[in-house]
């Protein structure tokens, strides 16, 4: 009986037992690549089991047709054969459901891992930004005593009351922003009305050169 032989062969290939979903808590894994691999594997398993289910359903339909046409089989034998084929289909359907749940769980874990990776990267960038901002704090604070010293020296000169020297110092005062804003040019809102002079060759020399030269002591009109 060819049909019975085929049925026995099919039964010998039927997997024993049903795949059971593991409800144990998955380990905490922060490696994004790990969950990318797990998601890919879960999808492959689902495709394999789904393919097996399609084959089993086609086999069940074939067996149903051949069993009806096989006059040598009685009703009990036909029922047993169809039951075995149906159980195989049912088992694979359960396996597909399990693999579907596993794939969905892996995809959720992958999405969570991706979000954690993005947040970790953002945290690193924010940490670097904070470190850079604190470096600016140090730079600003370090300049205070220097500016205070310059201010005292300038006052000592201005106290003489010489207009020619005061005019030169006034130019230095006005040009100071030009040089100061060169330092912070990339900073947002770091601009000044004197920004037009940023590329003027006149301002190519150091800012100190805009201050009164000591030789003015020999030429200034004394009062």
N, C-alpha and C. Protein backbone atom coordinates (compact mmCIF):
# COMPACT_ATOMS: atom_id res chain seq x y z
N UNK A 1 0.85 -1.19 0.00
CA UNK A 1 0.00 0.00 0.00
C UNK A 1 0.88 1.24 0.00
N UNK A 2 1.06 1.85 -1.15
CA UNK A 2 1.94 3.03 -1.26
C UNK A 2 1.54 4.14 -0.31
N UNK A 3 0.24 4.35 -0.15
CA UNK A 3 -0.22 5.46 0.68
C UNK A 3 0.20 5.26 2.14
N UNK A 4 0.05 4.01 2.61
CA UNK A 4 0.39 3.74 4.00
C UNK A 4 1.88 3.93 4.23
N UNK A 5 2.72 3.49 3.27
CA UNK A 5 4.17 3.65 3.40
C UNK A 5 4.54 5.13 3.49
N UNK A 6 3.89 5.93 2.62
CA UNK A 6 4.16 7.37 2.65
C UNK A 6 3.76 7.95 3.99
N UNK A 7 2.60 7.48 4.51
CA UNK A 7 2.12 7.99 5.79
C UNK A 7 3.07 7.63 6.92
N UNK A 8 3.60 6.40 6.90
CA UNK A 8 4.54 5.98 7.94
C UNK A 8 5.82 6.80 7.87
N UNK A 9 6.28 7.07 6.65
CA UNK A 9 7.48 7.88 6.48
C UNK A 9 7.24 9.27 7.03
N UNK A 10 6.04 9.81 6.76
CA UNK A 10 5.71 11.14 7.23
C UNK A 10 5.69 11.16 8.76
N UNK A 11 5.11 10.12 9.38
CA UNK A 11 5.03 10.07 10.82
C UNK A 11 6.40 9.96 11.46
N UNK A 12 7.33 9.26 10.77
CA UNK A 12 8.67 9.11 11.33
C UNK A 12 9.41 10.44 11.35
N UNK A 13 8.99 11.38 10.46
CA UNK A 13 9.64 12.67 10.39
C UNK A 13 8.94 13.72 11.24
N UNK A 14 7.80 13.36 11.84
CA UNK A 14 7.06 14.31 12.65
C UNK A 14 7.81 14.57 13.95
N UNK A 15 8.08 15.83 14.31
CA UNK A 15 8.83 16.13 15.53
C UNK A 15 8.05 15.69 16.76
N UNK A 16 8.76 15.16 17.73
CA UNK A 16 8.13 14.73 18.97
C UNK A 16 8.08 15.89 19.94
N UNK A 17 6.93 16.11 20.57
CA UNK A 17 6.82 17.20 21.53
C UNK A 17 6.52 18.51 20.86
N UNK A 18 6.15 19.48 21.64
CA UNK A 18 5.80 20.81 21.15
C UNK A 18 6.77 21.83 21.72
N UNK A 19 7.14 22.80 20.92
CA UNK A 19 8.03 23.85 21.38
C UNK A 19 7.34 24.66 22.47
N UNK A 20 8.00 24.83 23.58
CA UNK A 20 7.42 25.57 24.71
C UNK A 20 8.16 26.89 24.86
N UNK A 21 7.39 27.96 25.00
CA UNK A 21 7.98 29.28 25.14
C UNK A 21 8.64 29.42 26.50
N UNK A 22 9.86 29.89 26.50
CA UNK A 22 10.61 30.08 27.75
C UNK A 22 10.23 31.44 28.33
N UNK A 23 9.54 31.42 29.48
CA UNK A 23 9.09 32.66 30.10
C UNK A 23 10.09 33.19 31.12
N UNK A 24 11.25 32.58 31.21
CA UNK A 24 12.24 33.06 32.16
C UNK A 24 12.71 34.45 31.75
N UNK A 25 13.11 35.24 32.71
CA UNK A 25 13.52 36.61 32.45
C UNK A 25 14.79 36.64 31.64
N UNK A 26 14.83 37.32 30.50
CA UNK A 26 16.05 37.35 29.69
C UNK A 26 17.13 38.14 30.38
N UNK A 27 18.38 37.81 30.12
CA UNK A 27 19.48 38.56 30.75
C UNK A 27 19.54 39.98 30.20
N UNK A 28 20.02 40.87 31.02
CA UNK A 28 20.16 42.26 30.60
C UNK A 28 21.41 42.37 29.72
N UNK A 29 21.23 42.70 28.47
CA UNK A 29 22.34 42.81 27.52
C UNK A 29 22.29 44.19 26.88
N UNK A 30 23.34 44.94 27.00
CA UNK A 30 23.38 46.30 26.47
C UNK A 30 24.03 46.36 25.09
N UNK A 31 24.53 45.24 24.66
CA UNK A 31 25.23 45.23 23.38
C UNK A 31 24.20 45.23 22.25
N UNK A 32 24.15 46.30 21.50
CA UNK A 32 23.19 46.42 20.41
C UNK A 32 23.40 45.34 19.36
N UNK A 33 24.64 45.01 19.06
CA UNK A 33 24.92 43.99 18.06
C UNK A 33 24.37 42.63 18.48
N UNK A 34 24.40 42.36 19.79
CA UNK A 34 23.86 41.09 20.29
C UNK A 34 22.39 40.96 19.93
N UNK A 35 21.62 42.00 20.17
CA UNK A 35 20.19 41.92 19.89
C UNK A 35 19.91 41.98 18.40
N UNK A 36 20.80 42.57 17.64
CA UNK A 36 20.64 42.52 16.19
C UNK A 36 20.79 41.09 15.70
N UNK A 37 21.76 40.38 16.26
CA UNK A 37 21.94 38.97 15.89
C UNK A 37 20.76 38.13 16.37
N UNK A 38 20.31 38.37 17.59
CA UNK A 38 19.19 37.61 18.13
C UNK A 38 17.92 37.84 17.32
N UNK A 39 17.69 39.07 16.92
CA UNK A 39 16.50 39.37 16.12
C UNK A 39 16.57 38.67 14.78
N UNK A 40 17.75 38.66 14.16
CA UNK A 40 17.92 37.97 12.88
C UNK A 40 17.71 36.48 13.00
N UNK A 41 18.24 35.91 14.07
CA UNK A 41 18.07 34.47 14.28
C UNK A 41 16.61 34.12 14.52
N UNK A 42 15.92 34.94 15.31
CA UNK A 42 14.51 34.68 15.59
C UNK A 42 13.68 34.74 14.31
N UNK A 43 14.00 35.70 13.46
CA UNK A 43 13.27 35.80 12.20
C UNK A 43 13.55 34.58 11.31
N UNK A 44 14.78 34.12 11.29
CA UNK A 44 15.12 32.94 10.50
C UNK A 44 14.38 31.70 11.01
N UNK A 45 14.32 31.54 12.34
CA UNK A 45 13.61 30.39 12.91
C UNK A 45 12.13 30.44 12.56
N UNK A 46 11.56 31.65 12.63
CA UNK A 46 10.14 31.79 12.30
C UNK A 46 9.89 31.43 10.85
N UNK A 47 10.77 31.87 9.95
CA UNK A 47 10.60 31.56 8.54
C UNK A 47 10.73 30.05 8.29
N UNK A 48 11.66 29.40 9.00
CA UNK A 48 11.84 27.96 8.82
C UNK A 48 10.61 27.19 9.29
N UNK A 49 10.11 27.53 10.49
CA UNK A 49 8.95 26.82 11.03
C UNK A 49 7.71 27.12 10.18
N UNK A 50 7.57 28.35 9.70
CA UNK A 50 6.43 28.70 8.85
C UNK A 50 6.46 27.90 7.56
N UNK A 51 7.68 27.73 7.02
CA UNK A 51 7.82 26.93 5.81
C UNK A 51 7.43 25.48 6.08
N UNK A 52 7.85 24.94 7.23
CA UNK A 52 7.48 23.57 7.60
C UNK A 52 5.97 23.44 7.77
N UNK A 53 5.34 24.47 8.31
CA UNK A 53 3.88 24.44 8.49
C UNK A 53 3.18 24.43 7.13
N UNK A 54 3.66 25.23 6.20
CA UNK A 54 3.07 25.23 4.86
C UNK A 54 3.17 23.84 4.22
N UNK A 55 4.35 23.23 4.37
CA UNK A 55 4.53 21.89 3.81
C UNK A 55 3.59 20.88 4.48
N UNK A 56 3.46 21.01 5.81
CA UNK A 56 2.60 20.07 6.53
C UNK A 56 1.13 20.23 6.12
N UNK A 57 0.70 21.43 5.90
CA UNK A 57 -0.69 21.66 5.47
C UNK A 57 -0.93 21.08 4.07
N UNK A 58 0.04 21.27 3.19
CA UNK A 58 -0.09 20.69 1.84
C UNK A 58 -0.09 19.17 1.92
N UNK A 59 0.74 18.63 2.81
CA UNK A 59 0.80 17.18 2.98
C UNK A 59 -0.53 16.66 3.53
N UNK A 60 -1.11 17.41 4.46
CA UNK A 60 -2.41 17.01 5.04
C UNK A 60 -3.49 16.99 3.96
N UNK A 61 -3.51 17.99 3.10
CA UNK A 61 -4.49 18.01 2.02
C UNK A 61 -4.28 16.84 1.06
N UNK A 62 -3.00 16.55 0.76
CA UNK A 62 -2.70 15.42 -0.13
C UNK A 62 -3.17 14.10 0.49
N UNK A 63 -2.84 13.94 1.78
CA UNK A 63 -3.23 12.71 2.47
C UNK A 63 -4.75 12.57 2.50
N UNK A 64 -5.44 13.69 2.73
CA UNK A 64 -6.91 13.63 2.77
C UNK A 64 -7.48 13.14 1.45
N UNK A 65 -6.93 13.67 0.35
CA UNK A 65 -7.43 13.26 -0.97
C UNK A 65 -7.12 11.79 -1.23
N UNK A 66 -5.88 11.35 -0.95
CA UNK A 66 -5.48 9.97 -1.25
C UNK A 66 -6.19 8.97 -0.34
N UNK A 67 -6.46 9.40 0.92
CA UNK A 67 -7.12 8.48 1.85
C UNK A 67 -8.55 8.20 1.41
N UNK A 68 -9.20 9.21 0.90
CA UNK A 68 -10.58 9.02 0.43
C UNK A 68 -10.61 8.11 -0.79
N UNK A 69 -9.60 8.22 -1.65
CA UNK A 69 -9.59 7.44 -2.88
C UNK A 69 -9.05 6.03 -2.69
N UNK A 70 -8.35 5.80 -1.59
CA UNK A 70 -7.75 4.48 -1.35
C UNK A 70 -8.84 3.53 -0.82
N UNK A 71 -9.30 2.62 -1.65
CA UNK A 71 -10.40 1.73 -1.27
C UNK A 71 -9.95 0.64 -0.31
N UNK A 72 -8.64 0.44 -0.15
CA UNK A 72 -8.15 -0.62 0.72
C UNK A 72 -8.14 -0.21 2.20
N UNK A 73 -8.37 1.07 2.47
CA UNK A 73 -8.35 1.57 3.84
C UNK A 73 -9.78 1.65 4.37
N UNK A 74 -9.93 1.23 5.61
CA UNK A 74 -11.25 1.38 6.23
C UNK A 74 -11.34 2.73 6.92
N UNK A 75 -12.50 3.00 7.48
CA UNK A 75 -12.73 4.31 8.09
C UNK A 75 -11.81 4.55 9.28
N UNK A 76 -11.55 3.52 10.06
CA UNK A 76 -10.69 3.68 11.24
C UNK A 76 -9.27 4.05 10.83
N UNK A 77 -8.76 3.37 9.78
CA UNK A 77 -7.41 3.66 9.31
C UNK A 77 -7.31 5.07 8.75
N UNK A 78 -8.33 5.44 7.99
CA UNK A 78 -8.34 6.80 7.43
C UNK A 78 -8.35 7.83 8.56
N UNK A 79 -9.17 7.59 9.58
CA UNK A 79 -9.25 8.52 10.70
C UNK A 79 -7.93 8.65 11.42
N UNK A 80 -7.24 7.53 11.62
CA UNK A 80 -5.95 7.55 12.32
C UNK A 80 -4.91 8.32 11.52
N UNK A 81 -4.91 8.09 10.20
CA UNK A 81 -3.93 8.78 9.35
C UNK A 81 -4.18 10.28 9.34
N UNK A 82 -5.45 10.66 9.19
CA UNK A 82 -5.78 12.09 9.16
C UNK A 82 -5.52 12.75 10.50
N UNK A 83 -5.76 12.00 11.58
CA UNK A 83 -5.49 12.55 12.92
C UNK A 83 -4.01 12.82 13.10
N UNK A 84 -3.17 11.88 12.66
CA UNK A 84 -1.72 12.06 12.77
C UNK A 84 -1.26 13.27 11.96
N UNK A 85 -1.80 13.39 10.74
CA UNK A 85 -1.42 14.52 9.90
C UNK A 85 -1.89 15.84 10.51
N UNK A 86 -3.10 15.81 11.08
CA UNK A 86 -3.64 17.02 11.69
C UNK A 86 -2.83 17.40 12.93
N UNK A 87 -2.39 16.43 13.70
CA UNK A 87 -1.58 16.72 14.88
C UNK A 87 -0.25 17.36 14.51
N UNK A 88 0.29 16.89 13.39
CA UNK A 88 1.54 17.49 12.94
C UNK A 88 1.32 18.96 12.58
N UNK A 89 0.24 19.23 11.85
CA UNK A 89 -0.08 20.62 11.49
C UNK A 89 -0.30 21.45 12.75
N UNK A 90 -1.05 20.89 13.70
CA UNK A 90 -1.35 21.62 14.92
C UNK A 90 -0.07 21.92 15.71
N UNK A 91 0.83 20.93 15.77
CA UNK A 91 2.09 21.14 16.48
C UNK A 91 2.93 22.23 15.85
N UNK A 92 2.96 22.25 14.51
CA UNK A 92 3.73 23.28 13.83
C UNK A 92 3.07 24.65 13.97
N UNK A 93 1.74 24.68 14.03
CA UNK A 93 1.06 25.95 14.27
C UNK A 93 1.44 26.52 15.64
N UNK A 94 1.50 25.63 16.64
CA UNK A 94 1.93 26.08 17.96
C UNK A 94 3.38 26.56 17.93
N UNK A 95 4.21 25.85 17.17
CA UNK A 95 5.61 26.24 17.06
C UNK A 95 5.75 27.61 16.39
N UNK A 96 4.92 27.86 15.37
CA UNK A 96 4.94 29.16 14.70
C UNK A 96 4.55 30.26 15.69
N UNK A 97 3.53 30.01 16.50
CA UNK A 97 3.12 31.00 17.50
C UNK A 97 4.24 31.30 18.49
N UNK A 98 4.93 30.24 18.90
CA UNK A 98 6.04 30.41 19.83
C UNK A 98 7.15 31.24 19.21
N UNK A 99 7.53 30.88 17.97
CA UNK A 99 8.61 31.60 17.31
C UNK A 99 8.21 33.04 17.01
N UNK A 100 6.93 33.26 16.74
CA UNK A 100 6.44 34.62 16.52
C UNK A 100 6.63 35.45 17.80
N UNK A 101 6.28 34.86 18.94
CA UNK A 101 6.45 35.56 20.21
C UNK A 101 7.93 35.84 20.49
N UNK A 102 8.76 34.86 20.18
CA UNK A 102 10.20 35.05 20.41
C UNK A 102 10.76 36.15 19.50
N UNK A 103 10.31 36.16 18.25
CA UNK A 103 10.79 37.20 17.34
C UNK A 103 10.33 38.58 17.80
N UNK A 104 9.07 38.68 18.23
CA UNK A 104 8.57 39.96 18.70
C UNK A 104 9.32 40.41 19.95
N UNK A 105 9.62 39.47 20.85
CA UNK A 105 10.38 39.82 22.04
C UNK A 105 11.78 40.29 21.68
N UNK A 106 12.40 39.61 20.69
CA UNK A 106 13.74 40.02 20.26
C UNK A 106 13.72 41.39 19.62
N UNK A 107 12.66 41.67 18.85
CA UNK A 107 12.56 42.98 18.21
C UNK A 107 12.35 44.09 19.24
N UNK A 108 11.56 43.80 20.28
CA UNK A 108 11.38 44.78 21.35
C UNK A 108 12.71 45.02 22.07
N UNK A 109 13.43 43.93 22.35
CA UNK A 109 14.73 44.06 23.01
C UNK A 109 15.70 44.83 22.12
N UNK A 110 15.64 44.58 20.81
CA UNK A 110 16.51 45.30 19.88
C UNK A 110 16.18 46.79 19.88
N UNK A 111 14.89 47.11 19.87
CA UNK A 111 14.49 48.52 19.89
C UNK A 111 14.96 49.19 21.18
N UNK A 112 14.81 48.48 22.31
CA UNK A 112 15.26 49.04 23.59
C UNK A 112 16.76 49.22 23.61
N UNK A 113 17.48 48.23 23.06
CA UNK A 113 18.94 48.33 23.02
C UNK A 113 19.37 49.49 22.12
N UNK A 114 18.66 49.67 21.01
CA UNK A 114 18.98 50.79 20.12
C UNK A 114 18.74 52.13 20.80
N UNK A 115 17.65 52.20 21.55
CA UNK A 115 17.36 53.45 22.27
C UNK A 115 18.42 53.71 23.34
N UNK A 116 18.81 52.65 24.05
CA UNK A 116 19.85 52.82 25.07
C UNK A 116 21.16 53.26 24.44
N UNK A 117 21.48 52.69 23.28
CA UNK A 117 22.73 53.06 22.60
C UNK A 117 22.70 54.53 22.19
N UNK A 118 21.54 54.98 21.68
CA UNK A 118 21.43 56.39 21.29
C UNK A 118 21.56 57.31 22.50
N UNK A 119 20.91 56.90 23.60
CA UNK A 119 20.97 57.74 24.80
C UNK A 119 22.38 57.74 25.39
N UNK A 120 23.06 56.59 25.34
CA UNK A 120 24.44 56.53 25.82
C UNK A 120 25.34 57.43 24.99
N UNK A 121 25.15 57.40 23.67
CA UNK A 121 25.95 58.26 22.80
C UNK A 121 25.66 59.73 23.07
N UNK A 122 24.37 60.05 23.26
CA UNK A 122 24.01 61.43 23.57
C UNK A 122 24.61 61.86 24.91
N UNK A 123 24.58 60.96 25.89
CA UNK A 123 25.16 61.29 27.19
C UNK A 123 26.66 61.58 27.08
N UNK A 124 27.35 60.79 26.24
CA UNK A 124 28.78 61.03 26.03
C UNK A 124 29.02 62.42 25.43
N UNK A 125 28.19 62.78 24.43
CA UNK A 125 28.35 64.08 23.79
C UNK A 125 28.05 65.21 24.78
N UNK A 126 27.01 65.02 25.61
CA UNK A 126 26.66 66.04 26.60
C UNK A 126 27.76 66.16 27.66
N UNK A 127 28.37 65.03 28.01
CA UNK A 127 29.46 65.07 28.98
C UNK A 127 30.64 65.86 28.43
N UNK A 128 30.96 65.62 27.15
CA UNK A 128 32.06 66.38 26.52
C UNK A 128 31.73 67.86 26.45
N UNK A 129 30.45 68.17 26.15
CA UNK A 129 30.03 69.57 26.10
C UNK A 129 30.19 70.22 27.46
N UNK A 130 29.80 69.51 28.51
CA UNK A 130 29.95 70.05 29.86
C UNK A 130 31.41 70.28 30.23
N UNK A 131 32.27 69.32 29.84
CA UNK A 131 33.71 69.48 30.11
C UNK A 131 34.26 70.71 29.36
N UNK A 132 33.83 70.87 28.10
CA UNK A 132 34.29 72.02 27.32
C UNK A 132 33.80 73.32 27.93
N UNK A 133 32.54 73.33 28.42
CA UNK A 133 31.99 74.54 29.03
C UNK A 133 32.76 74.90 30.30
N UNK A 134 33.12 73.89 31.08
CA UNK A 134 33.90 74.17 32.29
C UNK A 134 35.30 74.68 31.95
N UNK A 135 35.83 74.23 30.81
CA UNK A 135 37.11 74.77 30.36
C UNK A 135 36.99 76.24 30.01
N UNK A 136 35.83 76.62 29.44
CA UNK A 136 35.58 78.04 29.15
C UNK A 136 35.51 78.82 30.46
N UNK A 137 34.87 78.22 31.49
CA UNK A 137 34.81 78.87 32.79
C UNK A 137 36.22 79.17 33.31
N UNK A 138 37.09 78.17 33.19
CA UNK A 138 38.47 78.34 33.66
C UNK A 138 39.16 79.44 32.87
N UNK A 139 38.94 79.46 31.54
CA UNK A 139 39.56 80.49 30.70
C UNK A 139 39.07 81.88 31.07
N UNK A 140 37.75 82.01 31.28
CA UNK A 140 37.19 83.31 31.65
C UNK A 140 37.74 83.77 33.00
N UNK A 141 37.75 82.85 33.96
CA UNK A 141 38.24 83.22 35.29
C UNK A 141 39.72 83.56 35.27
N UNK A 142 40.48 82.86 34.43
CA UNK A 142 41.92 83.12 34.38
C UNK A 142 42.22 84.50 33.80
N UNK A 143 41.29 85.04 33.00
CA UNK A 143 41.52 86.35 32.39
C UNK A 143 41.20 87.52 33.30
N UNK A 144 40.43 87.26 34.35
CA UNK A 144 40.02 88.36 35.23
C UNK A 144 41.19 89.10 35.86
N UNK A 145 42.14 88.42 36.49
CA UNK A 145 43.27 89.17 37.08
C UNK A 145 44.11 89.89 36.03
N UNK A 146 44.19 89.31 34.83
CA UNK A 146 44.96 89.98 33.77
C UNK A 146 44.28 91.28 33.37
N UNK A 147 42.94 91.23 33.19
CA UNK A 147 42.20 92.43 32.81
C UNK A 147 42.24 93.45 33.94
N UNK A 148 42.12 93.00 35.17
CA UNK A 148 42.18 93.92 36.31
C UNK A 148 43.53 94.62 36.38
N UNK A 149 44.60 93.88 36.10
CA UNK A 149 45.92 94.48 36.10
C UNK A 149 46.05 95.52 34.98
N UNK A 150 45.56 95.18 33.79
CA UNK A 150 45.60 96.14 32.67
C UNK A 150 44.78 97.38 33.01
N UNK A 151 43.60 97.19 33.60
CA UNK A 151 42.73 98.31 33.95
C UNK A 151 43.44 99.27 34.91
N UNK A 152 44.14 98.71 35.90
CA UNK A 152 44.87 99.55 36.86
C UNK A 152 45.97 100.34 36.17
N UNK A 153 46.71 99.68 35.27
CA UNK A 153 47.79 100.36 34.55
C UNK A 153 47.23 101.46 33.65
N UNK A 154 46.11 101.18 33.00
CA UNK A 154 45.49 102.18 32.13
C UNK A 154 45.04 103.39 32.94
N UNK A 155 44.46 103.14 34.11
CA UNK A 155 44.01 104.24 34.95
C UNK A 155 45.17 105.12 35.38
N UNK A 156 46.29 104.46 35.68
CA UNK A 156 47.46 105.24 36.09
C UNK A 156 47.92 106.19 34.99
N UNK A 157 47.81 105.73 33.74
CA UNK A 157 48.21 106.56 32.61
C UNK A 157 47.19 107.66 32.38
N UNK A 158 45.91 107.31 32.41
CA UNK A 158 44.86 108.30 32.17
C UNK A 158 44.84 109.38 33.25
N UNK A 159 45.30 109.05 34.43
CA UNK A 159 45.31 110.04 35.51
C UNK A 159 46.22 111.21 35.20
N UNK A 160 47.15 111.03 34.27
CA UNK A 160 48.00 112.16 33.87
C UNK A 160 47.19 113.23 33.15
N UNK A 161 46.11 112.84 32.53
CA UNK A 161 45.23 113.80 31.88
C UNK A 161 45.69 114.25 30.50
N UNK A 162 46.56 113.48 29.83
CA UNK A 162 47.03 113.89 28.49
C UNK A 162 46.03 113.42 27.44
N UNK A 163 45.47 114.39 26.72
CA UNK A 163 44.42 114.07 25.76
C UNK A 163 44.93 113.19 24.63
N UNK A 164 46.14 113.45 24.14
CA UNK A 164 46.68 112.65 23.03
C UNK A 164 46.76 111.16 23.40
N UNK A 165 47.21 110.92 24.61
CA UNK A 165 47.32 109.54 25.06
C UNK A 165 45.94 108.95 25.32
N UNK A 166 45.02 109.75 25.87
CA UNK A 166 43.66 109.27 26.14
C UNK A 166 42.96 108.88 24.83
N UNK A 167 43.26 109.63 23.75
CA UNK A 167 42.65 109.31 22.45
C UNK A 167 43.11 107.94 21.97
N UNK A 168 44.42 107.67 22.11
CA UNK A 168 44.95 106.37 21.68
C UNK A 168 44.34 105.24 22.53
N UNK A 169 44.25 105.48 23.83
CA UNK A 169 43.68 104.46 24.71
C UNK A 169 42.21 104.22 24.37
N UNK A 170 41.51 105.29 24.01
CA UNK A 170 40.10 105.13 23.65
C UNK A 170 39.94 104.23 22.42
N UNK A 171 40.84 104.37 21.45
CA UNK A 171 40.82 103.51 20.26
C UNK A 171 41.08 102.05 20.66
N UNK A 172 42.05 101.90 21.61
CA UNK A 172 42.34 100.54 22.08
C UNK A 172 41.12 99.95 22.77
N UNK A 173 40.39 100.80 23.54
CA UNK A 173 39.19 100.32 24.22
C UNK A 173 38.15 99.85 23.22
N UNK A 174 37.94 100.65 22.18
CA UNK A 174 36.93 100.32 21.18
C UNK A 174 37.31 99.08 20.37
N UNK A 175 38.59 98.92 20.13
CA UNK A 175 39.02 97.79 19.31
C UNK A 175 39.12 96.49 20.10
N UNK A 176 39.05 96.61 21.43
CA UNK A 176 39.22 95.40 22.24
C UNK A 176 38.17 94.35 21.90
N UNK A 177 36.92 94.80 21.68
CA UNK A 177 35.87 93.84 21.35
C UNK A 177 36.17 93.10 20.05
N UNK A 178 36.80 93.83 19.12
CA UNK A 178 37.14 93.18 17.85
C UNK A 178 38.03 91.97 18.09
N UNK A 179 39.04 92.13 18.95
CA UNK A 179 39.95 91.03 19.23
C UNK A 179 39.30 89.98 20.14
N UNK A 180 38.49 90.46 21.10
CA UNK A 180 37.84 89.52 22.01
C UNK A 180 36.89 88.59 21.27
N UNK A 181 36.13 89.17 20.35
CA UNK A 181 35.15 88.36 19.62
C UNK A 181 35.80 87.47 18.56
N UNK A 182 37.05 87.73 18.24
CA UNK A 182 37.75 86.79 17.36
C UNK A 182 37.91 85.45 18.07
N UNK A 183 38.14 85.51 19.37
CA UNK A 183 38.33 84.30 20.14
C UNK A 183 37.07 83.45 20.18
N UNK A 184 35.91 84.11 20.31
CA UNK A 184 34.67 83.36 20.47
C UNK A 184 33.81 83.41 19.21
N UNK A 185 34.43 83.60 18.07
CA UNK A 185 33.67 83.72 16.81
C UNK A 185 32.70 82.56 16.58
N UNK A 186 33.07 81.30 16.88
CA UNK A 186 32.10 80.20 16.62
C UNK A 186 30.92 80.19 17.58
N UNK A 187 31.01 80.94 18.68
CA UNK A 187 29.94 80.92 19.67
C UNK A 187 28.69 81.60 19.13
N UNK A 188 27.51 81.03 19.44
CA UNK A 188 26.26 81.64 19.01
C UNK A 188 26.11 83.02 19.62
N UNK A 189 25.63 83.97 18.81
CA UNK A 189 25.41 85.36 19.24
C UNK A 189 26.69 86.07 19.63
N UNK A 190 27.82 85.53 19.22
CA UNK A 190 29.09 86.18 19.53
C UNK A 190 29.44 87.13 18.38
N UNK A 191 28.87 88.31 18.42
CA UNK A 191 29.14 89.29 17.36
C UNK A 191 29.16 90.68 17.97
N UNK A 192 29.66 91.59 17.24
CA UNK A 192 29.81 92.96 17.71
C UNK A 192 29.71 93.91 16.54
N UNK A 193 29.43 95.16 16.86
CA UNK A 193 29.38 96.16 15.81
C UNK A 193 30.71 96.35 15.12
N UNK A 194 31.78 95.89 15.75
CA UNK A 194 33.10 96.04 15.16
C UNK A 194 33.52 94.80 14.37
N UNK A 195 32.57 93.89 14.15
CA UNK A 195 32.92 92.66 13.43
C UNK A 195 33.37 92.95 12.00
N UNK A 196 33.00 94.11 11.48
CA UNK A 196 33.41 94.47 10.12
C UNK A 196 34.92 94.56 10.03
N UNK A 197 35.57 94.79 11.16
CA UNK A 197 37.02 94.94 11.14
C UNK A 197 37.76 93.61 11.29
N UNK A 198 37.00 92.53 11.40
CA UNK A 198 37.64 91.24 11.65
C UNK A 198 38.65 90.89 10.57
N UNK A 199 38.33 91.23 9.33
CA UNK A 199 39.22 90.88 8.21
C UNK A 199 39.99 92.08 7.68
N UNK A 200 39.87 93.20 8.36
CA UNK A 200 40.58 94.41 7.92
C UNK A 200 42.06 94.26 8.26
N UNK A 201 42.96 94.42 7.28
CA UNK A 201 44.39 94.29 7.55
C UNK A 201 44.87 95.21 8.66
N UNK A 202 44.11 96.29 8.88
CA UNK A 202 44.49 97.24 9.91
C UNK A 202 44.53 96.58 11.29
N UNK A 203 43.71 95.54 11.44
CA UNK A 203 43.62 94.88 12.73
C UNK A 203 44.40 93.57 12.76
N UNK A 204 45.32 93.41 11.85
CA UNK A 204 46.10 92.17 11.80
C UNK A 204 47.14 92.11 12.92
N UNK A 205 47.58 93.29 13.40
CA UNK A 205 48.58 93.31 14.46
C UNK A 205 47.94 92.96 15.80
N UNK A 206 48.73 92.55 16.76
CA UNK A 206 48.19 92.24 18.09
C UNK A 206 47.48 93.45 18.71
N UNK A 207 46.53 93.17 19.58
CA UNK A 207 45.77 94.26 20.20
C UNK A 207 46.67 95.19 21.01
N UNK A 208 47.71 94.63 21.58
CA UNK A 208 48.62 95.45 22.40
C UNK A 208 49.23 96.60 21.60
N UNK A 209 49.36 96.42 20.28
CA UNK A 209 49.94 97.47 19.45
C UNK A 209 49.02 98.68 19.32
N UNK A 210 47.74 98.54 19.64
CA UNK A 210 46.83 99.68 19.57
C UNK A 210 46.92 100.57 20.80
N UNK A 211 47.65 100.12 21.81
CA UNK A 211 47.84 100.91 23.02
C UNK A 211 48.96 101.94 22.81
N UNK A 212 48.98 102.99 23.62
CA UNK A 212 50.01 104.03 23.47
C UNK A 212 51.42 103.46 23.59
N UNK A 213 52.30 103.89 22.69
CA UNK A 213 53.69 103.45 22.72
C UNK A 213 54.47 104.26 23.74
N UNK A 214 55.41 103.65 24.43
CA UNK A 214 56.19 104.39 25.43
C UNK A 214 56.88 105.65 24.88
N UNK A 215 57.17 105.65 23.58
CA UNK A 215 57.85 106.82 23.00
C UNK A 215 56.98 108.07 23.02
N UNK A 216 55.67 107.90 23.25
CA UNK A 216 54.80 109.08 23.35
C UNK A 216 55.21 109.97 24.53
N UNK A 217 55.89 109.36 25.49
CA UNK A 217 56.36 110.16 26.62
C UNK A 217 57.30 111.27 26.17
N UNK A 218 57.94 111.10 25.01
CA UNK A 218 58.89 112.10 24.51
C UNK A 218 58.21 113.17 23.65
N UNK A 219 57.00 112.88 23.16
CA UNK A 219 56.38 113.80 22.21
C UNK A 219 55.09 114.42 22.71
N UNK A 220 54.48 113.85 23.72
CA UNK A 220 53.20 114.39 24.19
C UNK A 220 53.38 115.79 24.73
N UNK A 221 52.37 116.60 24.55
CA UNK A 221 52.40 117.96 25.06
C UNK A 221 52.07 117.95 26.56
N UNK A 222 53.01 118.31 27.33
CA UNK A 222 52.87 118.26 28.77
C UNK A 222 52.01 119.42 29.26
N UNK A 223 51.32 119.21 30.36
CA UNK A 223 50.51 120.26 30.96
C UNK A 223 50.94 120.45 32.40
